[in-house]
Structures are given as structure tokens and as C-alpha cells.
Amino acid sequence: ELCREALDRLAGLRGPLVARVPTRLRGEATSRVEAPRGELFYYIEADGEPHPTRVRIRTPTFANIPAVLRMLPGIEMAAVPVALLSIDPCLSCTER
């Protein structure tokens, strides 16, 4: 219902929707967003060139890797899947 209302309001606007994005960025920005598995963290730094000089993305699963390293030593092999699934990993997110 909310999406339909938003689309109806957009259709009532006059003129095209335009987003002006500068071709050269300068400065830095951070963003923290709550995701289903925890907090996502984004950091971007730019020095006026067409591409950012630094981009850092930290996913919730990546933050949980140190906990896994402490959980696994000494447990039985059959318990490894249960230990890993207890942190609800998203391995494709960790590989970013």
C-alpha cells in the first residue's frame, strides 16, 4: 500500500525527476545501516578525482569472524555447522 501511494504521488509531479551527481567528488562520507544480520558500515573518501580513493564496506558477518575463531577450537567436527550457523553467516557479504 505504501509503495502504491508513493508511485501515485510521483506520477502527480510536474517535469522530469533529476538527480544531479557531481562528476568529481571531494571529501569523505560514512553511513551505518541496520541490516537483518547486524550493522552495515560504509566509508567513502574522495580527493577530487573521478573515482573514490578509498571505499570500505564492513558487513555483519565479517564482524563475527573473530567470534568464530574462538568458538571452533576444541569442539567436535559434527558441531562445527551448528557453531557457524549460530551467527547466521552470509559468506558472500564477507567476500566483498
PDB file of N, CA and C in Angstrom:
ATOM      1  N   GLU A   1       0.820  -1.190   0.000  1.00  0.00           N
ATOM      2  CA  GLU A   1       0.000   0.000   0.000  1.00  0.00           C
ATOM      3  C   GLU A   1       0.866   1.257   0.000  1.00  0.00           C
ATOM      4  N   LEU A   2       1.921   1.252   0.795  1.00  0.00           N
ATOM      5  CA  LEU A   2       2.803   2.410   0.887  1.00  0.00           C
ATOM      6  C   LEU A   2       3.512   2.683  -0.440  1.00  0.00           C
ATOM      7  N   CYS A   3       3.945   1.623  -1.112  1.00  0.00           N
ATOM      8  CA  CYS A   3       4.614   1.773  -2.419  1.00  0.00           C
ATOM      9  C   CYS A   3       3.649   2.351  -3.456  1.00  0.00           C
ATOM     10  N   ARG A   4       2.423   1.890  -3.447  1.00  0.00           N
ATOM     11  CA  ARG A   4       1.431   2.407  -4.405  1.00  0.00           C
ATOM     12  C   ARG A   4       1.172   3.896  -4.169  1.00  0.00           C
ATOM     13  N   GLU A   5       1.090   4.272  -2.913  1.00  0.00           N
ATOM     14  CA  GLU A   5       0.867   5.682  -2.593  1.00  0.00           C
ATOM     15  C   GLU A   5       2.049   6.530  -3.067  1.00  0.00           C
ATOM     16  N   ALA A   6       3.268   6.056  -2.858  1.00  0.00           N
ATOM     17  CA  ALA A   6       4.454   6.790  -3.303  1.00  0.00           C
ATOM     18  C   ALA A   6       4.469   6.926  -4.821  1.00  0.00           C
ATOM     19  N   LEU A   7       4.126   5.863  -5.538  1.00  0.00           N
ATOM     20  CA  LEU A   7       4.097   5.920  -7.000  1.00  0.00           C
ATOM     21  C   LEU A   7       3.016   6.870  -7.494  1.00  0.00           C
ATOM     22  N   ASP A   8       1.878   6.880  -6.819  1.00  0.00           N
ATOM     23  CA  ASP A   8       0.810   7.816  -7.194  1.00  0.00           C
ATOM     24  C   ASP A   8       1.260   9.264  -7.009  1.00  0.00           C
ATOM     25  N   ARG A   9       1.967   9.531  -5.936  1.00  0.00           N
ATOM     26  CA  ARG A   9       2.450  10.892  -5.695  1.00  0.00           C
ATOM     27  C   ARG A   9       3.515  11.288  -6.718  1.00  0.00           C
ATOM     28  N   LEU A  10       4.386  10.356  -7.081  1.00  0.00           N
ATOM     29  CA  LEU A  10       5.409  10.645  -8.094  1.00  0.00           C
ATOM     30  C   LEU A  10       4.773  10.944  -9.442  1.00  0.00           C
ATOM     31  N   ALA A  11       3.724  10.211  -9.769  1.00  0.00           N
ATOM     32  CA  ALA A  11       3.055  10.425 -11.057  1.00  0.00           C
ATOM     33  C   ALA A  11       2.429  11.817 -11.127  1.00  0.00           C
ATOM     34  N   GLY A  12       2.080  12.398  -9.992  1.00  0.00           N
ATOM     35  CA  GLY A  12       1.459  13.714  -9.972  1.00  0.00           C
ATOM     36  C   GLY A  12       2.439  14.874 -10.073  1.00  0.00           C
ATOM     37  N   LEU A  13       3.736  14.610 -10.032  1.00  0.00           N
ATOM     38  CA  LEU A  13       4.726  15.685 -10.128  1.00  0.00           C
ATOM     39  C   LEU A  13       4.836  16.207 -11.556  1.00  0.00           C
ATOM     40  N   ARG A  14       5.121  17.489 -11.674  1.00  0.00           N
ATOM     41  CA  ARG A  14       5.327  18.073 -12.999  1.00  0.00           C
ATOM     42  C   ARG A  14       6.807  18.043 -13.335  1.00  0.00           C
ATOM     43  N   GLY A  15       7.131  17.722 -14.568  1.00  0.00           N
ATOM     44  CA  GLY A  15       8.519  17.729 -15.028  1.00  0.00           C
ATOM     45  C   GLY A  15       9.243  16.436 -14.686  1.00  0.00           C
ATOM     46  N   PRO A  16      10.437  16.270 -15.255  1.00  0.00           N
ATOM     47  CA  PRO A  16      11.196  15.042 -15.006  1.00  0.00           C
ATOM     48  C   PRO A  16      11.885  15.064 -13.636  1.00  0.00           C
ATOM     49  N   LEU A  17      12.070  13.896 -13.079  1.00  0.00           N
ATOM     50  CA  LEU A  17      12.835  13.771 -11.844  1.00  0.00           C
ATOM     51  C   LEU A  17      14.316  13.733 -12.214  1.00  0.00           C
ATOM     52  N   VAL A  18      15.097  14.614 -11.643  1.00  0.00           N
ATOM     53  CA  VAL A  18      16.508  14.715 -11.986  1.00  0.00           C
ATOM     54  C   VAL A  18      17.336  14.683 -10.705  1.00  0.00           C
ATOM     55  N   ALA A  19      18.381  13.894 -10.722  1.00  0.00           N
ATOM     56  CA  ALA A  19      19.339  13.870  -9.627  1.00  0.00           C
ATOM     57  C   ALA A  19      20.682  14.314 -10.190  1.00  0.00           C
ATOM     58  N   ARG A  20      21.178  15.420  -9.713  1.00  0.00           N
ATOM     59  CA  ARG A  20      22.466  15.929 -10.187  1.00  0.00           C
ATOM     60  C   ARG A  20      23.571  15.365  -9.308  1.00  0.00           C
ATOM     61  N   VAL A  21      24.442  14.584  -9.914  1.00  0.00           N
ATOM     62  CA  VAL A  21      25.565  13.984  -9.202  1.00  0.00           C
ATOM     63  C   VAL A  21      26.842  14.579  -9.778  1.00  0.00           C
ATOM     64  N   PRO A  22      27.695  15.145  -8.951  1.00  0.00           N
ATOM     65  CA  PRO A  22      28.921  15.727  -9.477  1.00  0.00           C
ATOM     66  C   PRO A  22      29.831  14.663 -10.083  1.00  0.00           C
ATOM     67  N   THR A  23      30.556  15.028 -11.132  1.00  0.00           N
ATOM     68  CA  THR A  23      31.441  14.057 -11.790  1.00  0.00           C
ATOM     69  C   THR A  23      32.723  13.850 -10.999  1.00  0.00           C
ATOM     70  N   ARG A  24      33.085  14.814 -10.195  1.00  0.00           N
ATOM     71  CA  ARG A  24      34.293  14.691  -9.364  1.00  0.00           C
ATOM     72  C   ARG A  24      33.896  14.928  -7.904  1.00  0.00           C
ATOM     73  N   LEU A  25      34.224  13.970  -7.073  1.00  0.00           N
ATOM     74  CA  LEU A  25      33.839  14.033  -5.667  1.00  0.00           C
ATOM     75  C   LEU A  25      35.027  14.448  -4.805  1.00  0.00           C
ATOM     76  N   ARG A  26      34.748  15.156  -3.723  1.00  0.00           N
ATOM     77  CA  ARG A  26      35.797  15.553  -2.785  1.00  0.00           C
ATOM     78  C   ARG A  26      35.229  15.430  -1.373  1.00  0.00           C
ATOM     79  N   GLY A  27      36.027  14.852  -0.479  1.00  0.00           N
ATOM     80  CA  GLY A  27      35.611  14.723   0.911  1.00  0.00           C
ATOM     81  C   GLY A  27      35.430  13.277   1.319  1.00  0.00           C
ATOM     82  N   GLU A  28      34.744  13.074   2.421  1.00  0.00           N
ATOM     83  CA  GLU A  28      34.507  11.718   2.912  1.00  0.00           C
ATOM     84  C   GLU A  28      33.100  11.606   3.472  1.00  0.00           C
ATOM     85  N   ALA A  29      32.602  10.380   3.477  1.00  0.00           N
ATOM     86  CA  ALA A  29      31.258  10.132   3.989  1.00  0.00           C
ATOM     87  C   ALA A  29      31.212   8.760   4.632  1.00  0.00           C
ATOM     88  N   THR A  30      30.436   8.647   5.687  1.00  0.00           N
ATOM     89  CA  THR A  30      30.209   7.360   6.330  1.00  0.00           C
ATOM     90  C   THR A  30      28.707   7.134   6.441  1.00  0.00           C
ATOM     91  N   SER A  31      28.339   5.875   6.441  1.00  0.00           N
ATOM     92  CA  SER A  31      26.937   5.522   6.601  1.00  0.00           C
ATOM     93  C   SER A  31      26.850   4.221   7.382  1.00  0.00           C
ATOM     94  N   ARG A  32      25.949   4.184   8.330  1.00  0.00           N
ATOM     95  CA  ARG A  32      25.705   2.978   9.116  1.00  0.00           C
ATOM     96  C   ARG A  32      24.235   2.629   8.949  1.00  0.00           C
ATOM     97  N   VAL A  33      23.987   1.395   8.550  1.00  0.00           N
ATOM     98  CA  VAL A  33      22.621   0.954   8.267  1.00  0.00           C
ATOM     99  C   VAL A  33      22.378  -0.360   8.992  1.00  0.00           C
ATOM    100  N   GLU A  34      21.216  -0.480   9.605  1.00  0.00           N
ATOM    101  CA  GLU A  34      20.844  -1.728  10.269  1.00  0.00           C
ATOM    102  C   GLU A  34      20.323  -2.714   9.229  1.00  0.00           C
ATOM    103  N   ALA A  35      20.902  -3.889   9.197  1.00  0.00           N
ATOM    104  CA  ALA A  35      20.518  -4.953   8.267  1.00  0.00           C
ATOM    105  C   ALA A  35      20.002  -6.143   9.079  1.00  0.00           C
ATOM    106  N   PRO A  36      19.419  -7.142   8.415  1.00  0.00           N
ATOM    107  CA  PRO A  36      18.884  -8.287   9.162  1.00  0.00           C
ATOM    108  C   PRO A  36      19.915  -9.011  10.032  1.00  0.00           C
ATOM    109  N   ARG A  37      21.173  -9.037   9.630  1.00  0.00           N
ATOM    110  CA  ARG A  37      22.198  -9.752  10.390  1.00  0.00           C
ATOM    111  C   ARG A  37      23.014  -8.842  11.304  1.00  0.00           C
ATOM    112  N   GLY A  38      22.762  -7.552  11.274  1.00  0.00           N
ATOM    113  CA  GLY A  38      23.515  -6.617  12.103  1.00  0.00           C
ATOM    114  C   GLY A  38      23.766  -5.324  11.356  1.00  0.00           C
ATOM    115  N   GLU A  39      24.820  -4.624  11.744  1.00  0.00           N
ATOM    116  CA  GLU A  39      25.093  -3.297  11.194  1.00  0.00           C
ATOM    117  C   GLU A  39      25.996  -3.355   9.963  1.00  0.00           C
ATOM    118  N   LEU A  40      25.587  -2.651   8.906  1.00  0.00           N
ATOM    119  CA  LEU A  40      26.430  -2.457   7.726  1.00  0.00           C
ATOM    120  C   LEU A  40      27.103  -1.107   7.872  1.00  0.00           C
ATOM    121  N   PHE A  41      28.379  -1.035   7.533  1.00  0.00           N
ATOM    122  CA  PHE A  41      29.122   0.210   7.637  1.00  0.00           C
ATOM    123  C   PHE A  41      29.780   0.502   6.295  1.00  0.00           C
ATOM    124  N   TYR A  42      29.576   1.709   5.793  1.00  0.00           N
ATOM    125  CA  TYR A  42      30.175   2.135   4.526  1.00  0.00           C
ATOM    126  C   TYR A  42      31.000   3.392   4.773  1.00  0.00           C
ATOM    127  N   TYR A  43      32.196   3.445   4.178  1.00  0.00           N
ATOM    128  CA  TYR A  43      33.056   4.623   4.255  1.00  0.00           C
ATOM    129  C   TYR A  43      33.588   4.903   2.857  1.00  0.00           C
ATOM    130  N   ILE A  44      33.469   6.144   2.417  1.00  0.00           N
ATOM    131  CA  ILE A  44      33.969   6.546   1.099  1.00  0.00           C
ATOM    132  C   ILE A  44      34.777   7.818   1.279  1.00  0.00           C
ATOM    133  N   GLU A  45      35.960   7.839   0.644  1.00  0.00           N
ATOM    134  CA  GLU A  45      36.829   9.009   0.661  1.00  0.00           C
ATOM    135  C   GLU A  45      37.189   9.359  -0.775  1.00  0.00           C
ATOM    136  N   ALA A  46      37.137  10.639  -1.104  1.00  0.00           N
ATOM    137  CA  ALA A  46      37.447  11.078  -2.462  1.00  0.00           C
ATOM    138  C   ALA A  46      38.285  12.357  -2.401  1.00  0.00           C
ATOM    139  N   ASP A  47      39.188  12.504  -3.381  1.00  0.00           N
ATOM    140  CA  ASP A  47      40.082  13.661  -3.397  1.00  0.00           C
ATOM    141  C   ASP A  47      39.929  14.519  -4.656  1.00  0.00           C
ATOM    142  N   GLY A  48      38.777  14.465  -5.294  1.00  0.00           N
ATOM    143  CA  GLY A  48      38.530  15.290  -6.465  1.00  0.00           C
ATOM    144  C   GLY A  48      38.719  14.578  -7.784  1.00  0.00           C
ATOM    145  N   GLU A  49      39.151  13.346  -7.756  1.00  0.00           N
ATOM    146  CA  GLU A  49      39.309  12.560  -8.980  1.00  0.00           C
ATOM    147  C   GLU A  49      37.963  11.944  -9.362  1.00  0.00           C
ATOM    148  N   PRO A  50      37.854  11.387 -10.575  1.00  0.00           N
ATOM    149  CA  PRO A  50      36.569  10.792 -10.987  1.00  0.00           C
ATOM    150  C   PRO A  50      36.147   9.575 -10.151  1.00  0.00           C
ATOM    151  N   HIS A  51      37.115   8.890  -9.530  1.00  0.00           N
ATOM    152  CA  HIS A  51      36.802   7.691  -8.744  1.00  0.00           C
ATOM    153  C   HIS A  51      37.218   7.911  -7.294  1.00  0.00           C
ATOM    154  N   PRO A  52      36.526   7.300  -6.351  1.00  0.00           N
ATOM    155  CA  PRO A  52      36.907   7.441  -4.939  1.00  0.00           C
ATOM    156  C   PRO A  52      38.304   6.882  -4.684  1.00  0.00           C
ATOM    157  N   THR A  53      39.016   7.477  -3.738  1.00  0.00           N
ATOM    158  CA  THR A  53      40.350   6.982  -3.398  1.00  0.00           C
ATOM    159  C   THR A  53      40.282   5.833  -2.401  1.00  0.00           C
ATOM    160  N   ARG A  54      39.219   5.780  -1.617  1.00  0.00           N
ATOM    161  CA  ARG A  54      39.085   4.685  -0.645  1.00  0.00           C
ATOM    162  C   ARG A  54      37.613   4.375  -0.423  1.00  0.00           C
ATOM    163  N   VAL A  55      37.303   3.095  -0.433  1.00  0.00           N
ATOM    164  CA  VAL A  55      35.946   2.626  -0.130  1.00  0.00           C
ATOM    165  C   VAL A  55      36.089   1.456   0.842  1.00  0.00           C
ATOM    166  N   ARG A  56      35.387   1.526   1.954  1.00  0.00           N
ATOM    167  CA  ARG A  56      35.440   0.441   2.934  1.00  0.00           C
ATOM    168  C   ARG A  56      34.018   0.034   3.250  1.00  0.00           C
ATOM    169  N   ILE A  57      33.765  -1.274   3.174  1.00  0.00           N
ATOM    170  CA  ILE A  57      32.455  -1.830   3.496  1.00  0.00           C
ATOM    171  C   ILE A  57      32.669  -2.892   4.565  1.00  0.00           C
ATOM    172  N   ARG A  58      31.978  -2.773   5.673  1.00  0.00           N
ATOM    173  CA  ARG A  58      32.091  -3.758   6.758  1.00  0.00           C
ATOM    174  C   ARG A  58      30.723  -4.374   6.970  1.00  0.00           C
ATOM    175  N   THR A  59      30.648  -5.668   6.754  1.00  0.00           N
ATOM    176  CA  THR A  59      29.372  -6.375   6.879  1.00  0.00           C
ATOM    177  C   THR A  59      29.271  -7.047   8.250  1.00  0.00           C
ATOM    178  N   PRO A  60      28.057  -7.372   8.693  1.00  0.00           N
ATOM    179  CA  PRO A  60      27.893  -8.002   9.999  1.00  0.00           C
ATOM    180  C   PRO A  60      28.628  -9.341  10.117  1.00  0.00           C
ATOM    181  N   THR A  61      28.617 -10.136   9.078  1.00  0.00           N
ATOM    182  CA  THR A  61      29.289 -11.438   9.154  1.00  0.00           C
ATOM    183  C   THR A  61      30.788 -11.257   9.332  1.00  0.00           C
ATOM    184  N   PHE A  62      31.369 -10.277   8.644  1.00  0.00           N
ATOM    185  CA  PHE A  62      32.801 -10.015   8.784  1.00  0.00           C
ATOM    186  C   PHE A  62      33.140  -9.667  10.231  1.00  0.00           C
ATOM    187  N   ALA A  63      32.267  -8.922  10.882  1.00  0.00           N
ATOM    188  CA  ALA A  63      32.500  -8.556  12.277  1.00  0.00           C
ATOM    189  C   ALA A  63      32.421  -9.766  13.204  1.00  0.00           C
ATOM    190  N   ASN A  64      31.736 -10.824  12.776  1.00  0.00           N
ATOM    191  CA  ASN A  64      31.570 -12.021  13.619  1.00  0.00           C
ATOM    192  C   ASN A  64      32.681 -13.050  13.430  1.00  0.00           C
ATOM    193  N   ILE A  65      33.562 -12.866  12.454  1.00  0.00           N
ATOM    194  CA  ILE A  65      34.631 -13.843  12.201  1.00  0.00           C
ATOM    195  C   ILE A  65      35.515 -14.064  13.440  1.00  0.00           C
ATOM    196  N   PRO A  66      35.932 -13.023  14.178  1.00  0.00           N
ATOM    197  CA  PRO A  66      36.732 -13.289  15.384  1.00  0.00           C
ATOM    198  C   PRO A  66      36.011 -14.180  16.400  1.00  0.00           C
ATOM    199  N   ALA A  67      34.699 -14.046  16.502  1.00  0.00           N
ATOM    200  CA  ALA A  67      33.944 -14.903  17.424  1.00  0.00           C
ATOM    201  C   ALA A  67      34.001 -16.357  16.970  1.00  0.00           C
ATOM    202  N   VAL A  68      33.929 -16.578  15.658  1.00  0.00           N
ATOM    203  CA  VAL A  68      34.003 -17.952  15.131  1.00  0.00           C
ATOM    204  C   VAL A  68      35.361 -18.559  15.450  1.00  0.00           C
ATOM    205  N   LEU A  69      36.413 -17.772  15.321  1.00  0.00           N
ATOM    206  CA  LEU A  69      37.753 -18.285  15.615  1.00  0.00           C
ATOM    207  C   LEU A  69      37.905 -18.706  17.072  1.00  0.00           C
ATOM    208  N   ARG A  70      37.134 -18.103  17.955  1.00  0.00           N
ATOM    209  CA  ARG A  70      37.175 -18.509  19.372  1.00  0.00           C
ATOM    210  C   ARG A  70      36.228 -19.676  19.653  1.00  0.00           C
ATOM    211  N   MET A  71      35.147 -19.810  18.852  1.00  0.00           N
ATOM    212  CA  MET A  71      34.160 -20.868  19.090  1.00  0.00           C
ATOM    213  C   MET A  71      34.656 -22.230  18.608  1.00  0.00           C
ATOM    214  N   LEU A  72      35.399 -22.269  17.510  1.00  0.00           N
ATOM    215  CA  LEU A  72      35.704 -23.541  16.860  1.00  0.00           C
ATOM    216  C   LEU A  72      36.778 -24.400  17.535  1.00  0.00           C
ATOM    217  N   PRO A  73      37.866 -23.852  18.049  1.00  0.00           N
ATOM    218  CA  PRO A  73      38.889 -24.738  18.626  1.00  0.00           C
ATOM    219  C   PRO A  73      38.339 -25.588  19.774  1.00  0.00           C
ATOM    220  N   GLY A  74      38.573 -26.889  19.673  1.00  0.00           N
ATOM    221  CA  GLY A  74      38.182 -27.803  20.733  1.00  0.00           C
ATOM    222  C   GLY A  74      36.799 -28.413  20.604  1.00  0.00           C
ATOM    223  N   ILE A  75      35.994 -27.998  19.629  1.00  0.00           N
ATOM    224  CA  ILE A  75      34.678 -28.619  19.504  1.00  0.00           C
ATOM    225  C   ILE A  75      34.759 -29.788  18.527  1.00  0.00           C
ATOM    226  N   GLU A  76      33.782 -30.685  18.622  1.00  0.00           N
ATOM    227  CA  GLU A  76      33.745 -31.841  17.726  1.00  0.00           C
ATOM    228  C   GLU A  76      33.377 -31.398  16.318  1.00  0.00           C
ATOM    229  N   MET A  77      33.854 -32.149  15.327  1.00  0.00           N
ATOM    230  CA  MET A  77      33.619 -31.802  13.925  1.00  0.00           C
ATOM    231  C   MET A  77      32.119 -31.719  13.612  1.00  0.00           C
ATOM    232  N   ALA A  78      31.321 -32.568  14.229  1.00  0.00           N
ATOM    233  CA  ALA A  78      29.879 -32.561  13.977  1.00  0.00           C
ATOM    234  C   ALA A  78      29.219 -31.282  14.491  1.00  0.00           C
ATOM    235  N   ALA A  79      29.846 -30.584  15.419  1.00  0.00           N
ATOM    236  CA  ALA A  79      29.271 -29.367  15.989  1.00  0.00           C
ATOM    237  C   ALA A  79      29.670 -28.110  15.208  1.00  0.00           C
ATOM    238  N   VAL A  80      30.597 -28.228  14.264  1.00  0.00           N
ATOM    239  CA  VAL A  80      31.066 -27.062  13.516  1.00  0.00           C
ATOM    240  C   VAL A  80      29.926 -26.384  12.744  1.00  0.00           C
ATOM    241  N   PRO A  81      29.091 -27.122  11.996  1.00  0.00           N
ATOM    242  CA  PRO A  81      28.000 -26.443  11.285  1.00  0.00           C
ATOM    243  C   PRO A  81      27.050 -25.695  12.224  1.00  0.00           C
ATOM    244  N   VAL A  82      26.765 -26.273  13.366  1.00  0.00           N
ATOM    245  CA  VAL A  82      25.867 -25.620  14.322  1.00  0.00           C
ATOM    246  C   VAL A  82      26.511 -24.339  14.853  1.00  0.00           C
ATOM    247  N   ALA A  83      27.805 -24.400  15.148  1.00  0.00           N
ATOM    248  CA  ALA A  83      28.505 -23.215  15.650  1.00  0.00           C
ATOM    249  C   ALA A  83      28.515 -22.113  14.597  1.00  0.00           C
ATOM    250  N   LEU A  84      28.778 -22.469  13.351  1.00  0.00           N
ATOM    251  CA  LEU A  84      28.801 -21.469  12.283  1.00  0.00           C
ATOM    252  C   LEU A  84      27.418 -20.867  12.054  1.00  0.00           C
ATOM    253  N   LEU A  85      26.405 -21.714  12.033  1.00  0.00           N
ATOM    254  CA  LEU A  85      25.050 -21.220  11.784  1.00  0.00           C
ATOM    255  C   LEU A  85      24.497 -20.391  12.948  1.00  0.00           C
ATOM    256  N   SER A  86      25.106 -20.510  14.117  1.00  0.00           N
ATOM    257  CA  SER A  86      24.623 -19.728  15.261  1.00  0.00           C
ATOM    258  C   SER A  86      24.845 -18.230  15.065  1.00  0.00           C
ATOM    259  N   ILE A  87      25.786 -17.850  14.192  1.00  0.00           N
ATOM    260  CA  ILE A  87      25.977 -16.421  13.911  1.00  0.00           C
ATOM    261  C   ILE A  87      25.267 -16.006  12.628  1.00  0.00           C
ATOM    262  N   ASP A  88      24.550 -16.916  11.993  1.00  0.00           N
ATOM    263  CA  ASP A  88      23.782 -16.635  10.774  1.00  0.00           C
ATOM    264  C   ASP A  88      24.665 -15.956   9.720  1.00  0.00           C
ATOM    265  N   PRO A  89      25.686 -16.669   9.221  1.00  0.00           N
ATOM    266  CA  PRO A  89      26.636 -16.031   8.306  1.00  0.00           C
ATOM    267  C   PRO A  89      26.086 -15.789   6.901  1.00  0.00           C
ATOM    268  N   CYS A  90      26.595 -14.769   6.277  1.00  0.00           N
ATOM    269  CA  CYS A  90      26.361 -14.505   4.857  1.00  0.00           C
ATOM    270  C   CYS A  90      27.754 -14.415   4.236  1.00  0.00           C
ATOM    271  N   LEU A  91      28.259 -15.534   3.767  1.00  0.00           N
ATOM    272  CA  LEU A  91      29.641 -15.585   3.303  1.00  0.00           C
ATOM    273  C   LEU A  91      29.869 -14.730   2.066  1.00  0.00           C
ATOM    274  N   SER A  92      28.871 -14.588   1.213  1.00  0.00           N
ATOM    275  CA  SER A  92      29.072 -13.733   0.038  1.00  0.00           C
ATOM    276  C   SER A  92      29.241 -12.273   0.456  1.00  0.00           C
ATOM    277  N   CYS A  93      28.617 -11.856   1.546  1.00  0.00           N
ATOM    278  CA  CYS A  93      28.820 -10.488   2.053  1.00  0.00           C
ATOM    279  C   CYS A  93      30.231 -10.312   2.585  1.00  0.00           C
ATOM    280  N   THR A  94      30.765 -11.347   3.230  1.00  0.00           N
ATOM    281  CA  THR A  94      32.090 -11.278   3.811  1.00  0.00           C
ATOM    282  C   THR A  94      33.164 -11.192   2.738  1.00  0.00           C
ATOM    283  N   GLU A  95      32.909 -11.742   1.557  1.00  0.00           N
ATOM    284  CA  GLU A  95      33.901 -11.751   0.498  1.00  0.00           C
ATOM    285  C   GLU A  95      34.004 -10.435  -0.255  1.00  0.00           C
ATOM    286  N   ARG A  96      33.192  -9.447   0.091  1.00  0.00           N
ATOM    287  CA  ARG A  96      33.265  -8.155  -0.606  1.00  0.00           C
ATOM    288  C   ARG A  96      34.625  -7.600  -0.438  1.00  0.00           C
TER     289      ARG A  96
END
